[in-house]
N, C-alpha and C. Protein backbone atom coordinates (compact mmCIF):
# COMPACT_ATOMS: atom_id res chain seq x y z
N UNK A 1 71.12 120.23 97.07
CA UNK A 1 71.19 121.48 95.92
C UNK A 1 71.11 120.69 94.51
N UNK A 2 71.98 119.94 94.54
CA UNK A 2 72.21 119.55 93.25
C UNK A 2 70.77 119.02 92.61
N UNK A 3 70.39 118.24 93.22
CA UNK A 3 69.04 117.78 92.87
C UNK A 3 67.70 118.76 92.77
N UNK A 4 67.66 119.33 93.26
CA UNK A 4 66.91 120.80 92.78
C UNK A 4 67.33 121.24 91.32
N UNK A 5 68.59 121.39 91.59
CA UNK A 5 69.17 122.37 90.09
C UNK A 5 68.77 121.02 88.83
N UNK A 6 69.09 119.74 89.37
CA UNK A 6 68.56 118.80 87.82
C UNK A 6 67.38 118.94 88.04
N UNK A 7 66.36 118.43 89.12
CA UNK A 7 64.92 118.78 89.00
C UNK A 7 64.70 120.04 88.12
N UNK A 8 64.94 121.36 87.98
CA UNK A 8 64.51 122.34 87.06
C UNK A 8 65.38 122.20 85.72
N UNK A 9 66.26 121.76 85.50
CA UNK A 9 66.93 121.57 84.28
C UNK A 9 66.06 120.14 83.72
N UNK A 10 65.24 119.43 83.61
CA UNK A 10 64.26 118.52 83.93
C UNK A 10 63.08 119.04 83.20
N UNK A 11 62.75 119.81 84.15
CA UNK A 11 61.29 120.66 83.42
C UNK A 11 61.53 121.60 82.31
N UNK A 12 62.70 122.49 82.55
CA UNK A 12 62.83 122.88 81.56
C UNK A 12 63.35 122.19 80.07
N UNK A 13 63.32 121.05 80.28
CA UNK A 13 63.62 120.11 79.27
C UNK A 13 62.50 119.47 78.56
N UNK A 14 61.61 119.64 79.16
CA UNK A 14 60.31 119.10 79.09
C UNK A 14 59.38 119.90 78.82
N UNK A 15 59.73 120.94 79.19
CA UNK A 15 58.65 122.03 78.34
C UNK A 15 59.43 122.67 77.13
N UNK A 16 60.28 122.32 77.02
CA UNK A 16 61.04 122.60 75.56
C UNK A 16 60.28 121.30 74.27
N UNK A 17 60.56 120.08 74.89
CA UNK A 17 60.40 119.15 74.17
C UNK A 17 58.46 119.32 74.14
N UNK A 18 57.47 119.93 74.47
CA UNK A 18 56.49 120.41 74.48
C UNK A 18 56.13 120.85 73.32
N UNK A 19 57.16 122.12 73.34
CA UNK A 19 56.86 123.15 72.17
C UNK A 19 57.39 122.74 71.15
N UNK A 20 58.21 121.80 71.28
CA UNK A 20 58.54 121.25 69.98
C UNK A 20 57.22 120.31 69.35
N UNK A 21 56.85 119.63 69.83
CA UNK A 21 55.50 118.72 69.28
C UNK A 21 54.38 119.87 69.04
N UNK A 22 54.09 120.92 69.51
CA UNK A 22 53.00 121.78 69.26
C UNK A 22 53.64 122.59 67.99
N UNK A 23 54.77 122.65 67.90
CA UNK A 23 55.20 123.46 66.43
C UNK A 23 55.20 122.71 65.28
N UNK A 24 55.80 121.32 65.44
CA UNK A 24 54.79 120.35 64.49
C UNK A 24 53.81 119.76 64.15
N UNK A 25 52.76 119.75 65.33
CA UNK A 25 51.32 119.27 65.05
C UNK A 25 50.68 120.45 64.33
N UNK A 26 51.38 121.46 64.15
CA UNK A 26 50.37 122.65 63.85
C UNK A 26 50.85 123.08 62.38
N UNK A 27 51.89 122.54 61.55
CA UNK A 27 52.38 123.08 60.17
C UNK A 27 51.22 122.67 59.52
N UNK A 28 50.93 121.76 59.43
CA UNK A 28 49.90 121.00 58.51
C UNK A 28 50.24 120.89 57.36
N UNK A 29 51.20 121.03 56.41
CA UNK A 29 51.39 121.19 55.01
C UNK A 29 52.97 120.88 54.54
N UNK A 30 53.77 120.68 53.60
CA UNK A 30 55.04 120.49 53.26
C UNK A 30 55.93 121.64 53.65
N UNK A 31 55.19 123.22 53.70
CA UNK A 31 55.80 124.35 53.40
C UNK A 31 56.19 124.40 55.16
N UNK A 32 57.61 125.11 55.25
CA UNK A 32 58.25 125.08 56.77
C UNK A 32 57.72 126.26 57.20
N UNK A 33 57.52 127.10 58.17
CA UNK A 33 57.21 128.34 58.01
C UNK A 33 58.54 129.16 58.16
N UNK A 34 57.99 130.43 58.40
CA UNK A 34 59.36 131.22 58.41
C UNK A 34 59.91 131.56 59.93
N UNK A 35 61.15 131.59 60.09
CA UNK A 35 62.19 131.19 61.61
C UNK A 35 61.74 129.86 62.05
N UNK A 36 61.43 128.59 61.64
CA UNK A 36 61.32 127.32 62.19
C UNK A 36 62.56 126.86 62.49
N UNK A 37 63.72 127.04 61.28
CA UNK A 37 64.94 126.43 61.58
C UNK A 37 65.74 127.31 63.19
N UNK A 38 65.49 128.60 63.31
CA UNK A 38 65.26 128.89 64.33
C UNK A 38 64.98 128.68 65.68
N UNK A 39 63.99 128.46 66.17
CA UNK A 39 63.07 127.42 66.50
C UNK A 39 63.76 126.17 66.84
N UNK A 40 63.76 125.37 66.04
CA UNK A 40 64.27 124.12 66.27
C UNK A 40 65.88 124.35 66.59
N UNK A 41 66.69 125.18 66.58
CA UNK A 41 67.92 125.47 66.83
C UNK A 41 67.70 125.57 68.12
N UNK A 42 67.06 126.75 68.96
CA UNK A 42 66.19 127.09 69.67
C UNK A 42 66.27 125.50 70.64
N UNK A 43 65.42 124.81 70.86
CA UNK A 43 64.99 124.27 71.22
C UNK A 43 65.67 122.98 71.77
N UNK A 44 66.68 122.41 70.55
CA UNK A 44 68.02 121.70 70.67
C UNK A 44 69.17 122.14 71.65
N UNK A 45 69.37 123.47 71.55
CA UNK A 45 69.84 124.64 72.57
C UNK A 45 69.35 124.13 74.00
N UNK A 46 68.00 124.78 74.32
CA UNK A 46 67.55 123.79 75.40
C UNK A 46 67.81 122.59 75.87
N UNK A 47 67.58 121.55 75.09
CA UNK A 47 67.95 120.62 75.51
C UNK A 47 69.14 120.07 76.01
N UNK A 48 70.16 120.60 75.06
CA UNK A 48 71.36 119.97 75.59
C UNK A 48 71.88 120.84 76.60
N UNK A 49 71.39 122.03 77.08
CA UNK A 49 71.55 122.92 78.30
C UNK A 49 70.63 122.14 79.72
N UNK A 50 69.84 121.93 79.38
CA UNK A 50 68.83 121.01 80.49
C UNK A 50 69.77 119.42 81.04
N UNK A 51 70.30 119.09 79.72
CA UNK A 51 71.24 117.53 79.92
C UNK A 51 71.98 117.83 80.65
N UNK A 52 72.89 118.86 80.24
CA UNK A 52 74.42 119.47 80.98
C UNK A 52 73.92 119.77 82.62
N UNK A 53 72.99 120.95 82.40
CA UNK A 53 72.30 121.28 83.79
C UNK A 53 71.98 119.47 84.85
N UNK A 54 71.72 118.31 84.40
CA UNK A 54 71.32 117.26 84.96
C UNK A 54 72.37 116.52 85.63
N UNK A 55 73.51 116.54 84.69
CA UNK A 55 74.57 116.02 84.77
C UNK A 55 75.88 116.45 85.22
N UNK A 56 76.08 117.79 85.03
CA UNK A 56 76.92 118.28 85.46
C UNK A 56 77.91 118.41 87.01
N UNK A 57 76.67 118.19 87.93
CA UNK A 57 76.87 118.17 89.32
C UNK A 57 76.59 117.48 89.64
N UNK A 58 77.37 116.96 91.27
CA UNK A 58 77.15 115.50 92.01
C UNK A 58 77.41 115.83 93.46
N UNK A 59 76.37 115.79 94.84
CA UNK A 59 77.01 115.50 95.24
C UNK A 59 78.05 114.91 96.38
N UNK A 60 78.75 115.40 97.31
CA UNK A 60 79.14 114.06 98.47
C UNK A 60 78.92 114.24 99.46
N UNK A 61 77.93 113.34 100.35
CA UNK A 61 77.65 113.39 101.79
C UNK A 61 78.93 113.45 102.79
N UNK A 62 78.44 113.52 103.89
CA UNK A 62 79.33 113.60 105.10
C UNK A 62 79.55 112.18 105.51
N UNK A 63 81.24 112.38 105.55
CA UNK A 63 81.74 110.61 105.48
C UNK A 63 82.19 110.36 104.00
N UNK A 64 82.13 110.97 103.00
CA UNK A 64 82.40 110.42 101.49
C UNK A 64 83.03 110.82 101.32
N UNK A 65 83.90 110.49 100.05
CA UNK A 65 84.91 110.90 99.46
C UNK A 65 84.68 110.90 97.92
N UNK A 66 85.03 111.38 97.19
CA UNK A 66 84.86 110.97 95.36
C UNK A 66 86.02 111.01 94.45
N UNK A 67 86.08 110.30 93.62
CA UNK A 67 87.05 110.28 92.91
C UNK A 67 86.36 110.46 91.68
N UNK A 68 86.80 110.90 90.40
CA UNK A 68 85.96 111.21 89.28
C UNK A 68 87.10 109.94 87.51
N UNK A 69 85.81 109.92 86.97
CA UNK A 69 86.51 108.58 85.94
C UNK A 69 86.41 109.48 84.64
N UNK A 70 87.35 109.78 83.81
CA UNK A 70 87.19 109.85 82.68
C UNK A 70 87.23 109.26 81.42
N UNK A 71 86.69 109.69 80.61
CA UNK A 71 86.94 108.82 79.33
C UNK A 71 88.11 108.61 78.74
N UNK A 72 88.53 110.24 78.81
CA UNK A 72 89.72 109.78 78.05
C UNK A 72 91.12 110.02 78.85
N UNK A 73 91.35 110.02 80.14
CA UNK A 73 92.47 109.70 81.10
C UNK A 73 92.02 108.95 81.72
N UNK A 74 91.25 108.31 81.57
CA UNK A 74 91.31 107.23 82.85
C UNK A 74 90.48 108.36 84.56
N UNK A 75 91.05 107.81 85.48
CA UNK A 75 91.04 107.78 86.99
C UNK A 75 91.89 109.20 86.84
N UNK A 76 91.19 110.39 87.33
CA UNK A 76 91.69 111.13 87.91
C UNK A 76 92.47 111.45 89.31
N UNK A 77 93.04 112.38 89.42
CA UNK A 77 94.30 112.10 90.76
C UNK A 77 93.86 112.55 91.83
N UNK A 78 92.69 113.47 91.17
CA UNK A 78 91.96 114.63 92.32
C UNK A 78 91.14 113.79 93.47
N UNK A 79 90.77 114.11 94.83
CA UNK A 79 90.27 113.62 95.23
C UNK A 79 89.07 114.36 96.06
N UNK A 80 87.98 114.58 95.85
CA UNK A 80 86.97 115.21 96.09
C UNK A 80 86.56 115.69 97.71
N UNK A 81 86.30 116.46 98.11
CA UNK A 81 85.13 116.27 99.84
C UNK A 81 83.91 116.55 99.56
N UNK A 82 83.16 116.80 100.71
CA UNK A 82 82.00 116.44 100.86
C UNK A 82 81.20 118.16 100.31
N UNK A 83 80.46 117.84 99.49
CA UNK A 83 79.56 119.27 99.15
C UNK A 83 79.18 119.07 98.09
N UNK A 84 79.13 119.87 97.07
CA UNK A 84 78.54 119.48 95.67
C UNK A 84 80.02 120.05 94.61
N UNK A 85 80.05 119.16 93.45
CA UNK A 85 81.05 119.60 93.46
C UNK A 85 80.71 119.27 91.69
N UNK A 86 82.01 119.68 90.52
CA UNK A 86 81.56 119.54 89.15
C UNK A 86 82.03 118.74 88.24
N UNK A 87 81.44 118.14 87.02
CA UNK A 87 81.90 117.32 86.20
C UNK A 87 81.20 117.60 85.01
N UNK A 88 82.17 116.69 83.98
CA UNK A 88 82.18 117.06 82.27
C UNK A 88 80.62 115.67 82.03
N UNK A 89 79.46 116.61 81.92
CA UNK A 89 78.62 115.65 80.90
C UNK A 89 78.75 114.43 80.18
N UNK A 90 78.84 113.21 80.29
CA UNK A 90 79.10 111.83 79.83
C UNK A 90 80.56 111.47 79.35
N UNK A 91 81.74 112.32 79.28
CA UNK A 91 82.97 112.59 79.57
C UNK A 91 83.64 111.69 81.10
N UNK A 92 82.79 112.31 81.92
CA UNK A 92 83.09 111.95 83.39
C UNK A 92 81.95 111.39 84.30
N UNK A 93 82.33 110.92 85.30
CA UNK A 93 81.17 110.27 86.66
C UNK A 93 82.06 110.20 87.48
N UNK A 94 81.62 110.56 88.59
CA UNK A 94 81.77 110.19 90.06
C UNK A 94 81.93 108.61 90.53
N UNK A 95 83.05 108.14 91.46
CA UNK A 95 83.18 107.12 91.82
C UNK A 95 82.91 107.43 93.63
N UNK A 96 82.09 107.20 94.14
CA UNK A 96 81.91 107.59 96.11
C UNK A 96 82.01 106.27 96.72
N UNK A 97 83.44 106.86 97.94
CA UNK A 97 83.33 106.18 98.51
C UNK A 97 83.26 106.10 100.00
N UNK A 98 82.78 105.78 100.48
CA UNK A 98 82.37 105.33 102.55
C UNK A 98 83.40 105.34 102.74
N UNK A 99 84.22 106.49 103.86
CA UNK A 99 85.55 106.64 104.26
C UNK A 99 85.12 106.66 106.06
N UNK A 100 84.17 106.14 106.32
CA UNK A 100 83.93 106.20 107.92
C UNK A 100 84.32 105.05 108.66
N UNK A 101 84.50 104.90 109.72
CA UNK A 101 84.81 103.66 110.10
C UNK A 101 83.85 102.40 110.14
N UNK A 102 84.14 101.37 109.75
CA UNK A 102 82.82 100.00 109.70
C UNK A 102 83.62 98.84 110.17
N UNK A 103 82.99 98.08 110.93
CA UNK A 103 83.30 96.37 111.51
C UNK A 103 82.93 95.41 110.52
N UNK A 104 84.09 94.63 110.58
CA UNK A 104 84.20 93.42 109.46
C UNK A 104 84.74 92.27 110.81
N UNK A 105 83.85 91.21 110.66
CA UNK A 105 83.64 89.92 111.78
C UNK A 105 84.04 88.89 111.12
N UNK A 106 85.09 88.30 111.49
CA UNK A 106 85.40 86.76 110.91
C UNK A 106 85.64 85.81 112.36
N UNK A 107 85.21 84.50 111.69
CA UNK A 107 85.53 83.20 112.82
C UNK A 107 85.72 82.28 112.07
N UNK A 108 86.92 81.58 112.75
CA UNK A 108 87.43 80.69 111.49
C UNK A 108 88.40 79.74 112.36
N UNK A 109 88.52 78.36 112.21
CA UNK A 109 88.53 77.36 112.75
C UNK A 109 89.94 76.71 112.51
N UNK A 110 90.84 76.91 113.12
CA UNK A 110 92.50 76.26 113.16
C UNK A 110 92.76 75.75 114.27
N UNK A 111 94.09 75.36 114.32
CA UNK A 111 94.51 74.51 115.00
C UNK A 111 95.88 75.31 115.69
N UNK A 112 96.01 74.98 117.00
CA UNK A 112 96.86 75.25 118.22
C UNK A 112 98.17 74.85 118.00
N UNK A 113 99.19 75.42 118.70
CA UNK A 113 100.70 74.44 118.65
C UNK A 113 100.58 73.40 119.17
N UNK A 114 99.97 73.05 120.09
CA UNK A 114 99.66 71.51 120.22
C UNK A 114 98.87 70.75 119.94
N UNK A 115 97.88 71.09 118.53
CA UNK A 115 97.21 70.70 117.36
C UNK A 115 95.95 70.47 118.30
N UNK A 116 95.82 71.45 119.15
CA UNK A 116 94.36 71.43 119.47
C UNK A 116 93.27 72.23 118.61
N UNK A 117 92.06 71.59 118.46
CA UNK A 117 91.56 72.64 117.05
C UNK A 117 90.70 73.84 117.80
N UNK A 118 91.01 74.71 117.55
CA UNK A 118 90.15 76.00 118.12
C UNK A 118 89.83 77.17 117.20
N UNK A 119 88.41 77.79 117.63
CA UNK A 119 87.75 78.26 116.94
C UNK A 119 87.87 79.86 117.61
N UNK A 120 88.42 80.66 116.59
CA UNK A 120 88.32 82.07 116.81
C UNK A 120 87.45 83.19 116.40
N UNK A 121 87.21 84.11 117.38
CA UNK A 121 86.39 84.78 115.88
C UNK A 121 87.37 86.58 116.51
N UNK A 122 87.47 87.17 115.05
CA UNK A 122 88.17 88.46 115.65
C UNK A 122 87.09 89.96 115.08
N UNK A 123 87.43 90.75 115.41
CA UNK A 123 86.34 91.63 114.67
C UNK A 123 87.05 92.82 114.95
N UNK A 124 87.33 93.81 113.20
CA UNK A 124 88.17 94.45 112.87
C UNK A 124 87.06 96.02 112.73
N UNK A 125 87.96 97.34 113.06
CA UNK A 125 87.39 98.43 112.86
C UNK A 125 88.15 98.66 111.55
N UNK A 126 87.65 99.30 110.59
CA UNK A 126 88.50 99.78 109.50
C UNK A 126 87.85 101.03 108.76
N UNK A 127 88.94 101.38 107.59
CA UNK A 127 88.56 101.94 106.91
C UNK A 127 89.26 102.64 105.84
N UNK A 128 89.67 102.79 104.58
CA UNK A 128 90.47 103.30 103.84
C UNK A 128 90.66 104.50 103.57
N UNK A 129 91.59 104.16 103.77
CA UNK A 129 93.10 105.78 103.66
C UNK A 129 92.54 106.74 102.56
N UNK A 130 91.98 107.84 102.74
CA UNK A 130 91.26 108.84 101.96
C UNK A 130 92.22 109.14 100.85
N UNK A 131 93.43 109.04 101.37
CA UNK A 131 94.24 109.69 100.60
C UNK A 131 94.98 108.95 99.46
N UNK A 132 94.65 108.17 99.74
CA UNK A 132 95.02 106.71 98.89
C UNK A 132 93.71 106.02 97.59
N UNK A 133 92.52 106.92 97.54
CA UNK A 133 91.35 106.42 97.24
C UNK A 133 91.97 105.85 95.65
N UNK A 134 92.34 106.72 95.13
CA UNK A 134 92.38 106.11 93.44
C UNK A 134 93.30 104.57 92.87
N UNK A 135 94.67 104.97 94.55
CA UNK A 135 95.08 103.89 94.35
C UNK A 135 94.42 102.53 94.21
N UNK A 136 92.98 102.11 96.07
CA UNK A 136 92.20 101.51 95.87
C UNK A 136 91.57 101.06 94.77
N UNK A 137 90.86 102.46 94.01
CA UNK A 137 90.29 101.50 93.47
C UNK A 137 90.82 101.21 91.93
N UNK A 138 91.93 101.37 91.82
CA UNK A 138 93.01 100.71 90.49
C UNK A 138 93.10 99.22 90.94
N UNK A 139 93.64 99.38 91.85
CA UNK A 139 94.05 98.01 92.40
C UNK A 139 92.68 96.93 93.13
N UNK A 140 91.71 97.72 93.86
CA UNK A 140 90.65 96.99 94.27
C UNK A 140 89.42 96.69 93.94
N UNK A 141 89.16 98.35 93.48
CA UNK A 141 87.96 98.70 93.03
C UNK A 141 86.73 99.27 93.95
N UNK A 142 85.41 99.26 94.14
CA UNK A 142 85.26 99.37 94.95
C UNK A 142 84.86 98.60 96.16
N UNK A 143 84.69 97.22 96.44
CA UNK A 143 84.46 96.42 97.37
C UNK A 143 85.71 95.61 97.60
N UNK A 144 86.54 96.51 97.89
CA UNK A 144 87.43 96.18 98.55
C UNK A 144 87.59 95.42 99.62
N UNK A 145 86.42 95.97 100.71
CA UNK A 145 86.59 95.37 101.76
C UNK A 145 86.28 93.77 101.13
N UNK A 146 85.58 93.45 100.65
CA UNK A 146 85.65 91.78 100.30
C UNK A 146 86.34 91.23 99.84
N UNK A 147 87.50 92.14 99.24
CA UNK A 147 88.24 91.15 98.31
C UNK A 147 89.29 91.11 98.84
N UNK A 148 89.30 91.68 100.21
CA UNK A 148 91.08 91.69 100.88
C UNK A 148 90.77 91.69 102.42
N UNK A 149 90.19 91.86 103.35
CA UNK A 149 89.54 91.59 104.69
C UNK A 149 89.62 90.41 104.86
N UNK A 150 88.68 89.52 104.24
CA UNK A 150 88.72 88.24 105.18
C UNK A 150 89.35 87.67 104.58
N UNK A 151 90.38 87.24 103.78
CA UNK A 151 91.62 86.83 103.37
C UNK A 151 92.45 86.97 104.57
N UNK A 152 92.40 88.59 104.83
CA UNK A 152 94.26 88.86 105.56
C UNK A 152 93.73 88.35 106.78
N UNK A 153 92.05 88.60 107.38
CA UNK A 153 92.12 88.16 108.82
C UNK A 153 92.02 86.54 109.01
N UNK A 154 91.52 85.93 108.24
CA UNK A 154 91.71 84.19 108.36
C UNK A 154 93.07 83.99 108.50
N UNK A 155 94.31 84.72 107.72
CA UNK A 155 95.17 84.32 107.32
C UNK A 155 96.50 84.75 108.91
N UNK A 156 95.92 85.62 109.20
CA UNK A 156 97.00 86.17 110.11
C UNK A 156 96.11 85.72 111.52
N UNK A 157 95.00 85.85 111.59
CA UNK A 157 94.42 84.56 112.42
C UNK A 157 94.84 83.18 112.47
N UNK A 158 94.97 82.57 111.73
CA UNK A 158 95.86 81.09 111.90
C UNK A 158 97.19 80.71 111.87
N UNK A 159 97.85 82.17 111.83
CA UNK A 159 99.52 82.13 112.07
C UNK A 159 99.66 82.29 113.40
N UNK A 160 98.86 83.32 113.71
CA UNK A 160 99.04 84.13 115.32
C UNK A 160 99.03 82.55 116.32
N UNK A 161 97.45 81.95 116.07
CA UNK A 161 97.12 80.90 116.63
C UNK A 161 98.06 79.87 116.95
N UNK A 162 98.18 79.63 115.94
CA UNK A 162 99.69 78.63 116.19
C UNK A 162 101.02 78.39 116.61
N UNK A 163 101.00 79.54 117.14
CA UNK A 163 102.60 79.90 117.67
C UNK A 163 102.02 79.46 119.54
N UNK A 164 100.66 79.56 119.82
CA UNK A 164 100.86 79.54 121.07
C UNK A 164 99.85 77.84 121.42
N UNK A 165 100.01 77.23 122.03
CA UNK A 165 99.25 76.27 123.10
C UNK A 165 97.87 76.63 123.43
N UNK A 166 97.26 75.60 123.90
CA UNK A 166 95.58 75.80 123.63
C UNK A 166 95.18 76.75 124.88
N UNK A 167 96.38 76.34 125.80
CA UNK A 167 96.27 76.79 127.60
C UNK A 167 96.31 78.07 127.22
N UNK A 168 97.56 78.96 126.76
CA UNK A 168 98.09 79.98 126.34
C UNK A 168 97.39 80.81 125.57
N UNK A 169 96.24 80.53 124.96
CA UNK A 169 95.38 81.14 123.68
C UNK A 169 94.47 81.70 125.30
N UNK A 170 94.12 81.43 126.30
CA UNK A 170 93.67 81.32 127.62
C UNK A 170 93.95 82.46 128.40
N UNK A 171 95.29 82.23 128.58
CA UNK A 171 96.09 82.75 129.91
C UNK A 171 96.65 84.22 128.96
N UNK A 172 96.65 84.14 128.03
CA UNK A 172 97.42 85.18 127.33
C UNK A 172 96.74 85.78 126.36
N UNK A 173 95.41 85.74 126.60
CA UNK A 173 94.62 86.20 125.27
C UNK A 173 94.47 88.00 124.93
N UNK A 174 95.10 88.56 125.63
CA UNK A 174 95.80 90.24 125.58
C UNK A 174 96.94 89.64 124.39
N UNK A 175 97.71 89.36 124.28
CA UNK A 175 98.83 89.06 123.78
C UNK A 175 98.75 88.53 122.44
N UNK A 176 98.03 87.44 122.69
CA UNK A 176 97.17 86.84 120.77
C UNK A 176 96.75 87.78 120.58
N UNK A 177 95.99 89.02 121.21
CA UNK A 177 95.31 90.09 120.36
C UNK A 177 96.29 90.98 120.07
N UNK A 178 97.14 90.78 120.45
CA UNK A 178 98.04 92.18 119.95
C UNK A 178 98.86 91.38 118.71
N UNK A 179 99.71 90.21 118.99
CA UNK A 179 99.67 89.94 117.51
C UNK A 179 99.14 89.81 116.36
N UNK A 180 97.95 89.51 116.53
CA UNK A 180 97.04 89.67 115.46
C UNK A 180 96.67 91.00 114.82
N UNK A 181 96.95 92.07 115.64
CA UNK A 181 96.94 93.08 115.61
C UNK A 181 98.07 93.38 115.06
N UNK A 182 99.20 93.18 115.14
CA UNK A 182 100.31 93.95 114.28
C UNK A 182 100.46 93.14 113.11
N UNK A 183 100.17 91.65 113.03
CA UNK A 183 100.17 91.25 111.73
C UNK A 183 99.53 92.24 110.93
N UNK A 184 97.88 91.97 110.89
CA UNK A 184 97.19 92.45 110.67
C UNK A 184 97.11 93.67 110.10
N UNK A 185 97.21 94.87 110.71
CA UNK A 185 97.90 96.13 110.23
C UNK A 185 99.09 96.25 109.50
N UNK A 186 100.28 95.66 109.41
CA UNK A 186 101.16 95.32 108.55
C UNK A 186 100.66 94.98 107.36
N UNK A 187 99.83 93.85 107.08
CA UNK A 187 99.58 93.64 105.70
C UNK A 187 98.34 94.10 104.80
N UNK A 188 97.53 94.99 105.96
CA UNK A 188 96.46 95.81 105.32
C UNK A 188 96.93 97.30 105.14
N UNK A 189 98.23 97.36 105.61
CA UNK A 189 98.27 98.61 105.11
C UNK A 189 99.37 98.55 103.46
N UNK A 190 99.61 97.55 103.14
CA UNK A 190 100.14 97.41 101.41
C UNK A 190 98.77 97.51 100.73
N UNK A 191 97.58 97.26 100.84
CA UNK A 191 96.52 97.59 100.34
C UNK A 191 95.74 98.81 100.97
N UNK A 192 96.38 100.03 101.64
CA UNK A 192 95.62 101.25 101.61
C UNK A 192 94.67 101.25 102.60
N UNK A 193 94.57 100.29 103.76
CA UNK A 193 93.56 100.26 104.54
C UNK A 193 93.94 101.17 105.93
N UNK A 194 93.59 101.30 106.44
CA UNK A 194 93.47 101.73 107.87
C UNK A 194 92.77 100.69 108.93
N UNK A 195 93.30 100.48 110.16
CA UNK A 195 92.67 99.22 111.09
C UNK A 195 92.34 100.05 112.35
N UNK A 196 91.68 100.45 113.03
CA UNK A 196 91.65 101.28 113.96
C UNK A 196 91.42 100.61 115.48
N UNK A 197 91.20 99.26 115.42
CA UNK A 197 90.96 98.62 116.45
C UNK A 197 90.71 97.23 116.09
N UNK A 198 91.30 96.21 117.03
CA UNK A 198 91.57 94.96 116.20
C UNK A 198 91.34 94.13 117.62
N UNK A 199 90.22 93.22 117.75
CA UNK A 199 89.88 92.17 119.26
C UNK A 199 89.59 91.11 118.44
N UNK A 200 89.96 90.28 120.12
CA UNK A 200 89.44 88.72 119.62
C UNK A 200 87.67 88.96 120.58
N UNK A 201 86.86 88.27 120.00
CA UNK A 201 85.69 88.25 120.22
C UNK A 201 85.46 87.01 121.32
N UNK A 202 85.92 85.88 120.59
CA UNK A 202 85.60 84.69 121.15
C UNK A 202 86.69 83.09 121.03
N UNK A 203 86.88 83.12 121.76
CA UNK A 203 87.78 81.88 121.59
C UNK A 203 87.35 80.22 121.85
N UNK A 204 86.81 78.90 121.42
CA UNK A 204 86.47 77.90 121.91
C UNK A 204 87.24 76.98 121.59
N UNK A 205 87.14 75.78 121.83
CA UNK A 205 87.77 74.72 121.66
C UNK A 205 86.89 73.22 121.30
N UNK A 206 87.33 72.37 120.97
CA UNK A 206 86.54 71.10 120.17
C UNK A 206 85.98 70.75 121.29
N UNK A 207 84.71 70.14 121.36
CA UNK A 207 84.29 69.06 122.34
C UNK A 207 85.05 68.52 123.05
N UNK A 208 86.03 67.75 123.17
CA UNK A 208 86.66 66.26 123.56
C UNK A 208 87.59 66.88 124.16
N UNK A 209 88.61 68.50 123.56
CA UNK A 209 89.30 69.00 124.63
C UNK A 209 88.82 70.00 125.85
N UNK A 210 87.27 70.77 125.65
CA UNK A 210 86.72 71.08 126.63
C UNK A 210 86.52 70.30 127.78
N UNK A 211 85.93 68.92 126.87
CA UNK A 211 85.88 68.05 128.71
C UNK A 211 86.91 67.01 129.20
N UNK A 212 87.85 67.52 128.61
CA UNK A 212 89.24 67.08 129.25
C UNK A 212 89.58 68.14 130.53
N UNK A 213 89.79 69.35 129.76
CA UNK A 213 89.38 69.94 130.86
C UNK A 213 89.05 70.18 131.94
N UNK A 214 87.66 70.07 131.42
CA UNK A 214 86.71 69.65 132.64
C UNK A 214 86.53 68.37 133.82
N UNK A 215 87.25 67.53 132.90
CA UNK A 215 87.64 66.29 133.77
C UNK A 215 88.61 66.61 134.64
N UNK A 216 89.97 67.50 134.20
CA UNK A 216 90.65 67.48 134.97
C UNK A 216 91.10 68.53 136.12
N UNK A 217 90.39 69.30 135.66
CA UNK A 217 89.28 70.48 137.13
C UNK A 217 88.56 69.68 138.15
N UNK A 218 87.91 68.64 137.62
CA UNK A 218 87.04 67.95 138.64
C UNK A 218 88.27 66.68 139.46
N UNK A 219 89.12 66.63 139.00
CA UNK A 219 89.98 65.86 139.53
C UNK A 219 90.90 66.55 140.67
N UNK A 220 91.37 67.93 140.19
CA UNK A 220 91.85 68.67 141.32
C UNK A 220 91.22 68.77 142.32
N UNK A 221 89.64 68.82 142.32
CA UNK A 221 89.02 69.03 143.45
C UNK A 221 88.84 68.13 144.27
N UNK A 222 88.66 66.71 143.26
CA UNK A 222 88.83 65.86 144.46
C UNK A 222 89.65 65.89 144.98
N UNK A 223 90.59 65.63 144.61
CA UNK A 223 92.31 65.35 145.07
C UNK A 223 92.37 66.60 146.17
């Protein structure tokens, strides 16, 4: 609806500009025809209305929320929902956030409690707190995900893995995942981010450790 309104306003503005060009080209001399000042005023008014119509409305799609930045007062405290919304042309413009759940994957190399090198993959389903978008924009900006999540996931995964031995990372995988989720949710809440699901996608060890485990299992079978 907003796009159709803007297109209609743009057509009206172009028509008014064309009329202005015709009136200027038909003058032919230094004398100013009677009523030309009124016509010029009407054209300026039509141009202003066209500009205002094109920039007074914006749409917020499904799964999105918007905040508005004002040149005089800064970010407004109101959060705008889905549909057609109004803003003051030139003085204000919308900042739209996607508030749907999205995945973020991280793979990191770290050390276990018994000093074995472990590669662990973590997947997080996250979204911003739609009631705190103003604070998120002031603190982190639009690219909040890239600024915060990778570092938080990396720190929490390394801190939790360091509490377990290499063997426990396999036998107590659910506990490890729960500990990572607990730490991540606590850290992410300070940045107004909601984490809906956190899971370990894979765990792998160094080639040396894997060969040692295989040799140990072969030895047990022989005995």
